[in-house]
Amino acid sequence: MLLEFLDSLNRGDPGAMRFIATEPEFSAWGVQEGPNEVGVSVKTPNEKLFDYYRRRHEQGERLGRLEIAVGAAPRGSEGPLILPGKDPSAAFDFDLSRTAQDLDGRTQRGSGKAGINCRTGKIFLWFQGWGSIPPGARSCRNAPVEPSWTSAVACAPGYREIGQAVEVRLPSQPAS
């Protein structure tokens, strides 16, 4: 689902927003462009959020090289990862790379945290910062492969008997 969301954003598909939860499930969405620049910060899925992704696509932004570490979202009475109702949810940390015209040919890396409703498959929480991770940092340190621009690496650190990560690839994307 996450790879499909990123693939839709890369194509400039307005339908990419179908992966984002609606109210009351939606919690918050924020992207930090740099140390002092907020790209977008919203508490409801609105035009401000959709405009942000449209502007980034107009800059030729392409997202890739995803590493994702997945775990069960904490349950309790407070916090952004708590869903209304009883639907199970997953929390994940992620690292992304991007290129865009306004980055002057540089590849930029960023990291973040997100939440997904396991029943609906919708992303209800997303906090991310560009330029927030040092070169060479890895979320999935035991991965036998590194992420490429056409695949992702996923791991579940600390989950029972899973000591390695796996490579995940969209069917439309060939091996790199």
C-alpha atoms as a PDB file:
ATOM      1  CA  MET A   1       0.000   0.000   0.000  1.00  0.00           C
ATOM      2  CA  LEU A   2       2.740   2.488   0.922  1.00  0.00           C
ATOM      3  CA  LEU A   3       4.670   1.738  -2.286  1.00  0.00           C
ATOM      4  CA  GLU A   4       1.490   2.261  -4.280  1.00  0.00           C
ATOM      5  CA  PHE A   5       0.935   5.610  -2.533  1.00  0.00           C
ATOM      6  CA  LEU A   6       4.476   6.769  -3.378  1.00  0.00           C
ATOM      7  CA  ASP A   7       4.136   5.459  -6.946  1.00  0.00           C
ATOM      8  CA  SER A   8       0.887   7.439  -7.351  1.00  0.00           C
ATOM      9  CA  LEU A   9       2.571  10.602  -6.019  1.00  0.00           C
ATOM     10  CA  ASN A  10       5.454  10.111  -8.459  1.00  0.00           C
ATOM     11  CA  ARG A  11       2.997   9.876 -11.368  1.00  0.00           C
ATOM     12  CA  GLY A  12       1.187  13.021 -10.211  1.00  0.00           C
ATOM     13  CA  ASP A  13      -1.983  10.974  -9.873  1.00  0.00           C
ATOM     14  CA  PRO A  14      -4.620  12.974  -7.940  1.00  0.00           C
ATOM     15  CA  GLY A  15      -5.992   9.573  -6.928  1.00  0.00           C
ATOM     16  CA  ALA A  16      -2.969   9.183  -4.621  1.00  0.00           C
ATOM     17  CA  MET A  17      -5.070  10.913  -1.991  1.00  0.00           C
ATOM     18  CA  ARG A  18      -7.262   7.786  -1.795  1.00  0.00           C
ATOM     19  CA  PHE A  19      -4.527   6.311   0.421  1.00  0.00           C
ATOM     20  CA  ILE A  20      -4.999   9.063   3.008  1.00  0.00           C
ATOM     21  CA  ALA A  21      -7.636   8.569   5.710  1.00  0.00           C
ATOM     22  CA  THR A  22     -10.608  10.895   6.070  1.00  0.00           C
ATOM     23  CA  GLU A  23     -12.142  12.224   9.269  1.00  0.00           C
ATOM     24  CA  PRO A  24     -12.676  11.028  11.956  1.00  0.00           C
ATOM     25  CA  GLU A  25      -9.894   8.513  11.287  1.00  0.00           C
ATOM     26  CA  PHE A  26      -7.362  11.150  10.108  1.00  0.00           C
ATOM     27  CA  SER A  27      -5.048  12.372  12.876  1.00  0.00           C
ATOM     28  CA  ALA A  28      -2.408  14.733  11.412  1.00  0.00           C
ATOM     29  CA  TRP A  29      -0.012  15.186   8.488  1.00  0.00           C
ATOM     30  CA  GLY A  30       3.188  17.183   8.477  1.00  0.00           C
ATOM     31  CA  VAL A  31       6.204  17.538   6.204  1.00  0.00           C
ATOM     32  CA  GLN A  32       9.197  19.659   7.202  1.00  0.00           C
ATOM     33  CA  GLU A  33      11.137  20.880   4.146  1.00  0.00           C
ATOM     34  CA  GLY A  34      14.172  22.043   6.085  1.00  0.00           C
ATOM     35  CA  PRO A  35      15.240  23.222   9.522  1.00  0.00           C
ATOM     36  CA  ASN A  36      13.094  26.358   9.359  1.00  0.00           C
ATOM     37  CA  GLU A  37      10.596  25.604   6.593  1.00  0.00           C
ATOM     38  CA  VAL A  38       7.317  23.751   6.948  1.00  0.00           C
ATOM     39  CA  GLY A  39       6.106  22.199   3.695  1.00  0.00           C
ATOM     40  CA  VAL A  40       2.678  21.327   5.037  1.00  0.00           C
ATOM     41  CA  SER A  41       1.047  20.794   8.424  1.00  0.00           C
ATOM     42  CA  VAL A  42      -2.640  19.903   8.695  1.00  0.00           C
ATOM     43  CA  LYS A  43      -5.025  18.393  11.235  1.00  0.00           C
ATOM     44  CA  THR A  44      -7.640  17.518   8.581  1.00  0.00           C
ATOM     45  CA  PRO A  45      -7.161  16.101   5.067  1.00  0.00           C
ATOM     46  CA  ASN A  46      -7.798  19.306   3.106  1.00  0.00           C
ATOM     47  CA  GLU A  47      -6.791  21.257   0.002  1.00  0.00           C
ATOM     48  CA  LYS A  48      -3.647  22.537   1.712  1.00  0.00           C
ATOM     49  CA  LEU A  49      -2.331  18.968   1.871  1.00  0.00           C
ATOM     50  CA  PHE A  50      -3.342  18.132  -1.696  1.00  0.00           C
ATOM     51  CA  ASP A  51      -1.859  21.427  -2.985  1.00  0.00           C
ATOM     52  CA  TYR A  52       1.464  20.619  -1.314  1.00  0.00           C
ATOM     53  CA  TYR A  53       1.786  17.328  -3.206  1.00  0.00           C
ATOM     54  CA  ARG A  54       0.662  18.968  -6.458  1.00  0.00           C
ATOM     55  CA  ARG A  55       3.343  21.685  -6.096  1.00  0.00           C
ATOM     56  CA  ARG A  56       6.004  19.075  -5.337  1.00  0.00           C
ATOM     57  CA  HIS A  57       5.000  17.101  -8.447  1.00  0.00           C
ATOM     58  CA  GLU A  58       5.228  20.307 -10.524  1.00  0.00           C
ATOM     59  CA  GLN A  59       8.856  20.516  -9.335  1.00  0.00           C
ATOM     60  CA  GLY A  60       9.387  17.045 -10.804  1.00  0.00           C
ATOM     61  CA  GLU A  61       9.699  15.475  -7.360  1.00  0.00           C
ATOM     62  CA  ARG A  62      10.278  11.722  -7.416  1.00  0.00           C
ATOM     63  CA  LEU A  63      10.242   9.698  -4.209  1.00  0.00           C
ATOM     64  CA  GLY A  64      12.096   6.428  -3.812  1.00  0.00           C
ATOM     65  CA  ARG A  65      14.639   4.365  -1.888  1.00  0.00           C
ATOM     66  CA  LEU A  66      12.212   3.540   0.885  1.00  0.00           C
ATOM     67  CA  GLU A  67      13.192   1.731   4.055  1.00  0.00           C
ATOM     68  CA  ILE A  68      10.374   1.001   6.460  1.00  0.00           C
ATOM     69  CA  ALA A  69      10.427  -0.483   9.952  1.00  0.00           C
ATOM     70  CA  VAL A  70       6.956  -1.670  10.953  1.00  0.00           C
ATOM     71  CA  GLY A  71       5.472  -2.475  14.342  1.00  0.00           C
ATOM     72  CA  ALA A  72       2.154  -2.543  16.140  1.00  0.00           C
ATOM     73  CA  ALA A  73       0.825   0.910  17.007  1.00  0.00           C
ATOM     74  CA  PRO A  74       0.631   1.537  20.737  1.00  0.00           C
ATOM     75  CA  ARG A  75      -2.822   1.337  22.262  1.00  0.00           C
ATOM     76  CA  GLY A  76      -3.986   3.629  25.008  1.00  0.00           C
ATOM     77  CA  SER A  77      -6.202   6.590  25.638  1.00  0.00           C
ATOM     78  CA  GLU A  78      -4.002   9.342  24.193  1.00  0.00           C
ATOM     79  CA  GLY A  79      -1.603  10.081  21.370  1.00  0.00           C
ATOM     80  CA  PRO A  80      -1.644  10.491  17.612  1.00  0.00           C
ATOM     81  CA  LEU A  81      -1.436   6.749  16.894  1.00  0.00           C
ATOM     82  CA  ILE A  82      -4.737   6.012  18.601  1.00  0.00           C
ATOM     83  CA  LEU A  83      -7.573   5.328  16.184  1.00  0.00           C
ATOM     84  CA  PRO A  84     -11.216   5.903  17.021  1.00  0.00           C
ATOM     85  CA  GLY A  85     -13.008   2.576  17.332  1.00  0.00           C
ATOM     86  CA  LYS A  86     -11.382  -0.819  17.541  1.00  0.00           C
ATOM     87  CA  ASP A  87      -9.559  -1.126  14.218  1.00  0.00           C
ATOM     88  CA  PRO A  88      -6.014  -2.487  14.501  1.00  0.00           C
ATOM     89  CA  SER A  89      -3.301  -0.081  13.438  1.00  0.00           C
ATOM     90  CA  ALA A  90       0.384  -0.282  12.602  1.00  0.00           C
ATOM     91  CA  ALA A  91       3.092   2.261  13.267  1.00  0.00           C
ATOM     92  CA  PHE A  92       6.146   2.619  11.097  1.00  0.00           C
ATOM     93  CA  ASP A  93       9.356   4.566  10.833  1.00  0.00           C
ATOM     94  CA  PHE A  94      10.553   5.266   7.308  1.00  0.00           C
ATOM     95  CA  ASP A  95      13.430   6.725   5.329  1.00  0.00           C
ATOM     96  CA  LEU A  96      12.889   8.160   1.842  1.00  0.00           C
ATOM     97  CA  SER A  97      14.981   9.766  -0.865  1.00  0.00           C
ATOM     98  CA  ARG A  98      13.792  12.343  -3.349  1.00  0.00           C
ATOM     99  CA  THR A  99      14.922  14.277  -6.366  1.00  0.00           C
ATOM    100  CA  ALA A 100      13.306  17.435  -7.736  1.00  0.00           C
ATOM    101  CA  GLN A 101      14.140  20.427  -9.932  1.00  0.00           C
ATOM    102  CA  ASP A 102      14.321  22.787  -6.955  1.00  0.00           C
ATOM    103  CA  LEU A 103      16.929  20.557  -5.271  1.00  0.00           C
ATOM    104  CA  ASP A 104      19.520  21.516  -7.933  1.00  0.00           C
ATOM    105  CA  GLY A 105      20.315  17.931  -8.936  1.00  0.00           C
ATOM    106  CA  ARG A 106      20.871  16.758  -5.367  1.00  0.00           C
ATOM    107  CA  THR A 107      19.245  13.690  -3.884  1.00  0.00           C
ATOM    108  CA  GLN A 108      17.763  14.488  -0.504  1.00  0.00           C
ATOM    109  CA  ARG A 109      17.030  11.972   2.241  1.00  0.00           C
ATOM    110  CA  GLY A 110      14.394  12.278   4.890  1.00  0.00           C
ATOM    111  CA  SER A 111      12.794  10.247   7.612  1.00  0.00           C
ATOM    112  CA  GLY A 112       9.524  10.105   9.428  1.00  0.00           C
ATOM    113  CA  LYS A 113       6.873   8.241  11.345  1.00  0.00           C
ATOM    114  CA  ALA A 114       3.428   7.222  10.173  1.00  0.00           C
ATOM    115  CA  GLY A 115       0.356   5.239  11.164  1.00  0.00           C
ATOM    116  CA  ILE A 116      -1.944   3.087   9.065  1.00  0.00           C
ATOM    117  CA  ASN A 117      -5.335   1.577   9.787  1.00  0.00           C
ATOM    118  CA  CYS A 118      -4.865  -2.148   9.107  1.00  0.00           C
ATOM    119  CA  ARG A 119      -8.552  -2.678   8.261  1.00  0.00           C
ATOM    120  CA  THR A 120      -8.971   0.182   5.761  1.00  0.00           C
ATOM    121  CA  GLY A 121      -5.359   0.434   4.573  1.00  0.00           C
ATOM    122  CA  LYS A 122      -5.506   4.220   4.987  1.00  0.00           C
ATOM    123  CA  ILE A 123      -2.644   6.356   6.286  1.00  0.00           C
ATOM    124  CA  PHE A 124      -4.020   8.396   9.197  1.00  0.00           C
ATOM    125  CA  LEU A 125      -0.789   9.932  10.515  1.00  0.00           C
ATOM    126  CA  TRP A 126       2.361  11.174   8.739  1.00  0.00           C
ATOM    127  CA  PHE A 127       5.232  13.239  10.154  1.00  0.00           C
ATOM    128  CA  GLN A 128       8.338  13.627   8.023  1.00  0.00           C
ATOM    129  CA  GLY A 129      11.413  15.809   7.741  1.00  0.00           C
ATOM    130  CA  TRP A 130      13.643  16.230   4.676  1.00  0.00           C
ATOM    131  CA  GLY A 131      17.367  16.386   5.285  1.00  0.00           C
ATOM    132  CA  SER A 132      16.819  14.827   8.687  1.00  0.00           C
ATOM    133  CA  ILE A 133      19.001  11.719   8.439  1.00  0.00           C
ATOM    134  CA  PRO A 134      22.742  11.424   7.892  1.00  0.00           C
ATOM    135  CA  PRO A 135      24.140   9.645   4.819  1.00  0.00           C
ATOM    136  CA  GLY A 136      24.529   5.921   5.361  1.00  0.00           C
ATOM    137  CA  ALA A 137      21.946   5.666   8.164  1.00  0.00           C
ATOM    138  CA  ARG A 138      19.718   2.592   7.835  1.00  0.00           C
ATOM    139  CA  SER A 139      16.357   1.767   9.427  1.00  0.00           C
ATOM    140  CA  CYS A 140      16.716  -1.930   8.606  1.00  0.00           C
ATOM    141  CA  ARG A 141      20.305  -2.638   9.608  1.00  0.00           C
ATOM    142  CA  ASN A 142      19.990  -6.425   9.094  1.00  0.00           C
ATOM    143  CA  ALA A 143      18.647  -6.110   5.559  1.00  0.00           C
ATOM    144  CA  PRO A 144      20.471  -8.281   3.019  1.00  0.00           C
ATOM    145  CA  VAL A 145      19.774  -5.639   0.322  1.00  0.00           C
ATOM    146  CA  GLU A 146      19.705  -1.860   0.202  1.00  0.00           C
ATOM    147  CA  PRO A 147      16.663  -0.026  -1.095  1.00  0.00           C
ATOM    148  CA  SER A 148      16.828   1.136  -4.702  1.00  0.00           C
ATOM    149  CA  TRP A 149      14.768   3.678  -6.619  1.00  0.00           C
ATOM    150  CA  THR A 150      12.457   0.834  -7.684  1.00  0.00           C
ATOM    151  CA  SER A 151      12.105  -1.148  -4.467  1.00  0.00           C
ATOM    152  CA  ALA A 152      11.749  -0.847  -0.746  1.00  0.00           C
ATOM    153  CA  VAL A 153      13.230  -2.687   2.193  1.00  0.00           C
ATOM    154  CA  ALA A 154      10.889  -3.557   5.049  1.00  0.00           C
ATOM    155  CA  CYS A 155      11.690  -4.941   8.479  1.00  0.00           C
ATOM    156  CA  ALA A 156       9.988  -5.530  11.788  1.00  0.00           C
ATOM    157  CA  PRO A 157      12.686  -4.903  14.417  1.00  0.00           C
ATOM    158  CA  GLY A 158      12.130  -6.823  17.602  1.00  0.00           C
ATOM    159  CA  TYR A 159       9.196  -8.783  16.220  1.00  0.00           C
ATOM    160  CA  ARG A 160       9.190 -12.471  17.137  1.00  0.00           C
ATOM    161  CA  GLU A 161      11.817 -14.465  15.224  1.00  0.00           C
ATOM    162  CA  ILE A 162      12.238 -11.884  12.465  1.00  0.00           C
ATOM    163  CA  GLY A 163      15.899 -11.064  12.284  1.00  0.00           C
ATOM    164  CA  GLN A 164      16.078  -9.995   8.674  1.00  0.00           C
ATOM    165  CA  ALA A 165      14.386  -7.602   6.323  1.00  0.00           C
ATOM    166  CA  VAL A 166      12.802  -8.281   2.961  1.00  0.00           C
ATOM    167  CA  GLU A 167      12.873  -6.445  -0.345  1.00  0.00           C
ATOM    168  CA  VAL A 168       9.473  -5.284  -1.572  1.00  0.00           C
ATOM    169  CA  ARG A 169       8.935  -4.287  -5.211  1.00  0.00           C
ATOM    170  CA  LEU A 170       5.942  -2.974  -7.112  1.00  0.00           C
ATOM    171  CA  PRO A 171       4.994  -5.359  -9.968  1.00  0.00           C
ATOM    172  CA  SER A 172       5.408  -2.509 -12.477  1.00  0.00           C
ATOM    173  CA  GLN A 173       8.995  -1.836 -11.389  1.00  0.00           C
ATOM    174  CA  PRO A 174      11.867  -3.990 -12.688  1.00  0.00           C
ATOM    175  CA  ALA A 175      14.827  -4.986 -10.561  1.00  0.00           C
ATOM    176  CA  SER A 176      17.526  -2.338 -10.337  1.00  0.00           C
END
